[in-house]
Amino acid sequence: MSKKPSEKETPTKEKAVEEVKEEKEVEKSVEKPAKAEKPQKKKKEEKGIFSLYKIESDKVTRLRPTCERCGPGYFMANHGNRYTCGHCGFTRYKPAEK
């Protein structure tokens, strides 16, 4: 009265299939957390000539200082607490704010 191997394996396969189905149902029932809103992107600064000059009616004013060594054709880069010339490397520190 020994059972055939095929009869023995069939019920275990069915049980395994049922367990897998139950696991999938459990996974589906788990709620996913709501997506957090993305922070707004920071607005980029103007590039090129628009960041160097300001036009008021008929007058044009320079927004950044020019280099003292190189002359009026070279603007200095704005670095928080200082201005730096990209051509010669001259650095001028801004006055400390009180």
N, C-alpha and C. Protein backbone atom coordinates (compact mmCIF):
# COMPACT_ATOMS: atom_id res chain seq x y z
N MET A 1 0.80 -1.18 0.00
CA MET A 1 0.00 0.00 0.00
C MET A 1 0.86 1.26 0.00
N SER A 2 1.89 1.20 -0.69
CA SER A 2 2.71 2.39 -0.81
C SER A 2 2.12 3.30 -1.90
N LYS A 3 2.22 4.57 -1.66
CA LYS A 3 1.68 5.54 -2.61
C LYS A 3 2.71 5.81 -3.70
N LYS A 4 2.17 6.10 -4.83
CA LYS A 4 3.05 6.42 -5.94
C LYS A 4 3.67 7.81 -5.70
N PRO A 5 4.87 8.02 -6.19
CA PRO A 5 5.52 9.32 -5.98
C PRO A 5 4.73 10.47 -6.59
N SER A 6 4.05 10.21 -7.71
CA SER A 6 3.30 11.29 -8.35
C SER A 6 2.12 11.72 -7.50
N GLU A 7 1.50 10.78 -6.79
CA GLU A 7 0.37 11.13 -5.93
C GLU A 7 0.86 11.93 -4.72
N LYS A 8 2.04 11.64 -4.26
CA LYS A 8 2.59 12.32 -3.10
C LYS A 8 2.93 13.78 -3.42
N GLU A 9 3.50 14.05 -4.58
CA GLU A 9 3.95 15.38 -4.96
C GLU A 9 2.80 16.31 -5.31
N THR A 10 1.74 15.81 -5.85
CA THR A 10 0.64 16.64 -6.31
C THR A 10 0.03 17.48 -5.20
N PRO A 11 -0.33 16.92 -4.04
CA PRO A 11 -0.91 17.76 -3.00
C PRO A 11 0.07 18.82 -2.49
N THR A 12 1.34 18.52 -2.42
CA THR A 12 2.29 19.51 -1.93
C THR A 12 2.46 20.65 -2.92
N LYS A 13 2.40 20.35 -4.20
CA LYS A 13 2.48 21.41 -5.21
C LYS A 13 1.28 22.34 -5.10
N GLU A 14 0.12 21.75 -4.90
CA GLU A 14 -1.09 22.57 -4.79
C GLU A 14 -1.01 23.47 -3.57
N LYS A 15 -0.50 22.92 -2.46
CA LYS A 15 -0.36 23.73 -1.26
C LYS A 15 0.63 24.86 -1.48
N ALA A 16 1.70 24.57 -2.17
CA ALA A 16 2.70 25.59 -2.44
C ALA A 16 2.11 26.71 -3.30
N VAL A 17 1.31 26.33 -4.29
CA VAL A 17 0.68 27.31 -5.16
C VAL A 17 -0.28 28.18 -4.36
N GLU A 18 -1.03 27.57 -3.46
CA GLU A 18 -1.97 28.32 -2.62
C GLU A 18 -1.23 29.28 -1.70
N GLU A 19 -0.10 28.86 -1.15
CA GLU A 19 0.68 29.72 -0.27
C GLU A 19 1.20 30.94 -1.03
N VAL A 20 1.65 30.72 -2.25
CA VAL A 20 2.15 31.82 -3.07
C VAL A 20 1.03 32.81 -3.36
N LYS A 21 -0.18 32.29 -3.67
CA LYS A 21 -1.33 33.16 -3.93
C LYS A 21 -1.66 33.99 -2.70
N GLU A 22 -1.62 33.38 -1.52
CA GLU A 22 -1.92 34.08 -0.28
C GLU A 22 -0.89 35.18 -0.01
N GLU A 23 0.38 34.87 -0.28
CA GLU A 23 1.42 35.87 -0.08
C GLU A 23 1.20 37.08 -0.99
N LYS A 24 0.80 36.83 -2.23
CA LYS A 24 0.54 37.92 -3.17
C LYS A 24 -0.63 38.77 -2.70
N GLU A 25 -1.66 38.12 -2.16
CA GLU A 25 -2.82 38.86 -1.66
C GLU A 25 -2.41 39.73 -0.48
N VAL A 26 -1.55 39.22 0.38
CA VAL A 26 -1.09 39.99 1.53
C VAL A 26 -0.30 41.20 1.04
N GLU A 27 0.56 41.01 0.04
CA GLU A 27 1.33 42.11 -0.51
C GLU A 27 0.43 43.17 -1.11
N LYS A 28 -0.63 42.77 -1.78
CA LYS A 28 -1.55 43.72 -2.39
C LYS A 28 -2.29 44.52 -1.33
N SER A 29 -2.60 43.89 -0.21
CA SER A 29 -3.37 44.57 0.82
C SER A 29 -2.53 45.60 1.60
N VAL A 30 -1.22 45.47 1.56
CA VAL A 30 -0.36 46.43 2.24
C VAL A 30 -0.41 47.75 1.47
N GLU A 31 -0.75 48.83 2.17
CA GLU A 31 -0.88 50.13 1.51
C GLU A 31 0.48 50.77 1.35
N LYS A 32 0.67 51.39 0.23
CA LYS A 32 1.91 52.11 -0.02
C LYS A 32 1.78 53.51 0.55
N PRO A 33 2.87 54.06 1.09
CA PRO A 33 2.79 55.42 1.64
C PRO A 33 2.56 56.43 0.51
N ALA A 34 1.86 57.50 0.83
CA ALA A 34 1.58 58.53 -0.17
C ALA A 34 2.88 59.20 -0.60
N LYS A 35 2.97 59.56 -1.85
CA LYS A 35 4.16 60.21 -2.37
C LYS A 35 4.25 61.62 -1.81
N ALA A 36 5.43 61.97 -1.36
CA ALA A 36 5.65 63.32 -0.84
C ALA A 36 5.81 64.26 -2.02
N GLU A 37 5.35 65.48 -1.85
CA GLU A 37 5.46 66.47 -2.92
C GLU A 37 6.91 66.87 -3.09
N LYS A 38 7.32 67.05 -4.31
CA LYS A 38 8.69 67.46 -4.59
C LYS A 38 8.83 68.95 -4.30
N PRO A 39 9.97 69.35 -3.72
CA PRO A 39 10.17 70.78 -3.46
C PRO A 39 10.32 71.52 -4.78
N GLN A 40 9.92 72.78 -4.77
CA GLN A 40 10.00 73.57 -5.99
C GLN A 40 11.46 73.81 -6.35
N LYS A 41 11.73 73.85 -7.64
CA LYS A 41 13.10 74.07 -8.09
C LYS A 41 13.49 75.52 -7.86
N LYS A 42 14.76 75.70 -7.55
CA LYS A 42 15.30 77.02 -7.33
C LYS A 42 15.44 77.72 -8.68
N LYS A 43 15.04 78.97 -8.72
CA LYS A 43 15.13 79.72 -9.97
C LYS A 43 16.59 80.03 -10.28
N LYS A 44 16.99 79.75 -11.49
CA LYS A 44 18.38 79.97 -11.89
C LYS A 44 18.64 81.46 -12.11
N GLU A 45 19.89 81.85 -11.83
CA GLU A 45 20.27 83.23 -12.05
C GLU A 45 20.42 83.49 -13.54
N GLU A 46 20.26 84.75 -13.90
CA GLU A 46 20.43 85.11 -15.30
C GLU A 46 21.88 84.91 -15.70
N LYS A 47 22.08 84.52 -16.94
CA LYS A 47 23.43 84.31 -17.44
C LYS A 47 23.75 85.33 -18.52
N GLY A 48 25.01 85.42 -18.81
CA GLY A 48 25.46 86.26 -19.91
C GLY A 48 25.42 87.73 -19.58
N ILE A 49 25.13 88.52 -20.58
CA ILE A 49 25.20 89.97 -20.46
C ILE A 49 24.09 90.54 -19.58
N PHE A 50 23.01 89.79 -19.40
CA PHE A 50 21.89 90.27 -18.60
C PHE A 50 22.25 90.38 -17.12
N SER A 51 23.24 89.63 -16.66
CA SER A 51 23.65 89.68 -15.26
C SER A 51 24.73 90.74 -15.01
N LEU A 52 25.25 91.37 -16.06
CA LEU A 52 26.32 92.34 -15.91
C LEU A 52 25.86 93.79 -16.00
N TYR A 53 24.76 94.03 -16.69
CA TYR A 53 24.27 95.39 -16.90
C TYR A 53 22.81 95.52 -16.50
N LYS A 54 22.43 96.72 -16.12
CA LYS A 54 21.03 97.03 -15.81
C LYS A 54 20.65 98.24 -16.65
N ILE A 55 19.53 98.14 -17.35
CA ILE A 55 19.09 99.22 -18.23
C ILE A 55 17.92 99.94 -17.57
N GLU A 56 18.10 101.25 -17.35
CA GLU A 56 17.04 102.09 -16.80
C GLU A 56 16.81 103.24 -17.77
N SER A 57 15.64 103.28 -18.34
CA SER A 57 15.24 104.24 -19.37
C SER A 57 16.33 104.33 -20.44
N ASP A 58 17.16 105.37 -20.44
CA ASP A 58 18.20 105.52 -21.47
C ASP A 58 19.60 105.28 -20.92
N LYS A 59 19.71 104.93 -19.63
CA LYS A 59 21.02 104.76 -19.03
C LYS A 59 21.33 103.28 -18.81
N VAL A 60 22.60 102.95 -19.00
CA VAL A 60 23.07 101.59 -18.75
C VAL A 60 24.04 101.65 -17.57
N THR A 61 23.80 100.83 -16.55
CA THR A 61 24.68 100.80 -15.39
C THR A 61 25.29 99.42 -15.24
N ARG A 62 26.53 99.39 -14.77
CA ARG A 62 27.22 98.12 -14.54
C ARG A 62 26.85 97.62 -13.16
N LEU A 63 26.56 96.32 -13.05
CA LEU A 63 26.18 95.74 -11.78
C LEU A 63 27.38 95.21 -10.99
N ARG A 64 28.43 94.85 -11.68
CA ARG A 64 29.63 94.34 -11.02
C ARG A 64 30.79 95.30 -11.28
N PRO A 65 31.75 95.33 -10.37
CA PRO A 65 32.91 96.21 -10.58
C PRO A 65 33.84 95.64 -11.65
N THR A 66 34.63 96.53 -12.24
CA THR A 66 35.63 96.08 -13.21
C THR A 66 36.96 95.91 -12.48
N CYS A 67 37.85 95.15 -13.08
CA CYS A 67 39.15 94.87 -12.48
C CYS A 67 40.02 96.13 -12.50
N GLU A 68 40.70 96.40 -11.39
CA GLU A 68 41.56 97.58 -11.29
C GLU A 68 42.85 97.41 -12.09
N ARG A 69 43.31 96.17 -12.23
CA ARG A 69 44.55 95.91 -12.96
C ARG A 69 44.31 95.80 -14.46
N CYS A 70 43.25 95.07 -14.85
CA CYS A 70 43.02 94.77 -16.27
C CYS A 70 42.31 95.88 -17.02
N GLY A 71 41.53 96.68 -16.35
CA GLY A 71 40.86 97.78 -17.01
C GLY A 71 39.37 97.56 -17.15
N PRO A 72 38.70 98.45 -17.89
CA PRO A 72 37.23 98.44 -17.95
C PRO A 72 36.62 97.27 -18.73
N GLY A 73 37.38 96.49 -19.43
CA GLY A 73 36.82 95.39 -20.21
C GLY A 73 36.63 94.10 -19.43
N TYR A 74 37.11 94.05 -18.19
CA TYR A 74 37.07 92.80 -17.42
C TYR A 74 36.26 92.99 -16.14
N PHE A 75 35.15 92.28 -16.08
CA PHE A 75 34.31 92.31 -14.88
C PHE A 75 34.86 91.34 -13.85
N MET A 76 34.56 91.62 -12.59
CA MET A 76 35.00 90.75 -11.50
C MET A 76 33.85 89.83 -11.10
N ALA A 77 34.18 88.59 -10.75
CA ALA A 77 33.17 87.61 -10.36
C ALA A 77 32.76 87.85 -8.91
N ASN A 78 31.48 87.64 -8.63
CA ASN A 78 30.93 87.85 -7.30
C ASN A 78 30.99 86.54 -6.52
N HIS A 79 31.76 86.49 -5.42
CA HIS A 79 31.92 85.27 -4.61
C HIS A 79 31.51 85.52 -3.16
N GLY A 80 30.30 85.91 -2.91
CA GLY A 80 29.82 86.07 -1.54
C GLY A 80 30.49 87.20 -0.79
N ASN A 81 31.70 86.99 -0.27
CA ASN A 81 32.38 88.01 0.53
C ASN A 81 33.52 88.71 -0.23
N ARG A 82 33.66 88.44 -1.52
CA ARG A 82 34.76 89.04 -2.28
C ARG A 82 34.42 89.10 -3.77
N TYR A 83 35.18 89.92 -4.50
CA TYR A 83 35.13 89.97 -5.96
C TYR A 83 36.47 89.48 -6.48
N THR A 84 36.46 88.68 -7.56
CA THR A 84 37.69 88.13 -8.11
C THR A 84 37.72 88.32 -9.62
N CYS A 85 38.87 88.71 -10.13
CA CYS A 85 39.06 88.85 -11.58
C CYS A 85 39.45 87.50 -12.15
N GLY A 86 38.77 87.06 -13.19
CA GLY A 86 39.07 85.78 -13.81
C GLY A 86 40.26 85.84 -14.74
N HIS A 87 40.64 87.06 -15.13
CA HIS A 87 41.75 87.22 -16.08
C HIS A 87 43.10 87.20 -15.36
N CYS A 88 43.25 88.04 -14.33
CA CYS A 88 44.55 88.14 -13.65
C CYS A 88 44.56 87.55 -12.25
N GLY A 89 43.40 87.27 -11.67
CA GLY A 89 43.33 86.67 -10.34
C GLY A 89 43.28 87.67 -9.20
N PHE A 90 43.16 88.95 -9.52
CA PHE A 90 43.08 89.98 -8.49
C PHE A 90 41.81 89.77 -7.66
N THR A 91 41.93 89.91 -6.31
CA THR A 91 40.80 89.72 -5.40
C THR A 91 40.59 90.97 -4.57
N ARG A 92 39.36 91.41 -4.51
CA ARG A 92 38.99 92.55 -3.68
C ARG A 92 37.88 92.10 -2.73
N TYR A 93 38.11 92.25 -1.43
CA TYR A 93 37.13 91.81 -0.44
C TYR A 93 36.07 92.87 -0.24
N LYS A 94 34.84 92.43 -0.02
CA LYS A 94 33.73 93.33 0.23
C LYS A 94 33.83 93.85 1.66
N PRO A 95 33.34 95.06 1.90
CA PRO A 95 33.36 95.57 3.28
C PRO A 95 32.46 94.71 4.18
N ALA A 96 32.90 94.48 5.41
CA ALA A 96 32.15 93.65 6.34
C ALA A 96 30.87 94.37 6.73
N GLU A 97 29.76 93.63 6.73
CA GLU A 97 28.47 94.20 7.11
C GLU A 97 28.30 94.13 8.62
N LYS A 98 27.72 95.15 9.18
CA LYS A 98 27.54 95.19 10.64
C LYS A 98 26.12 94.83 11.01
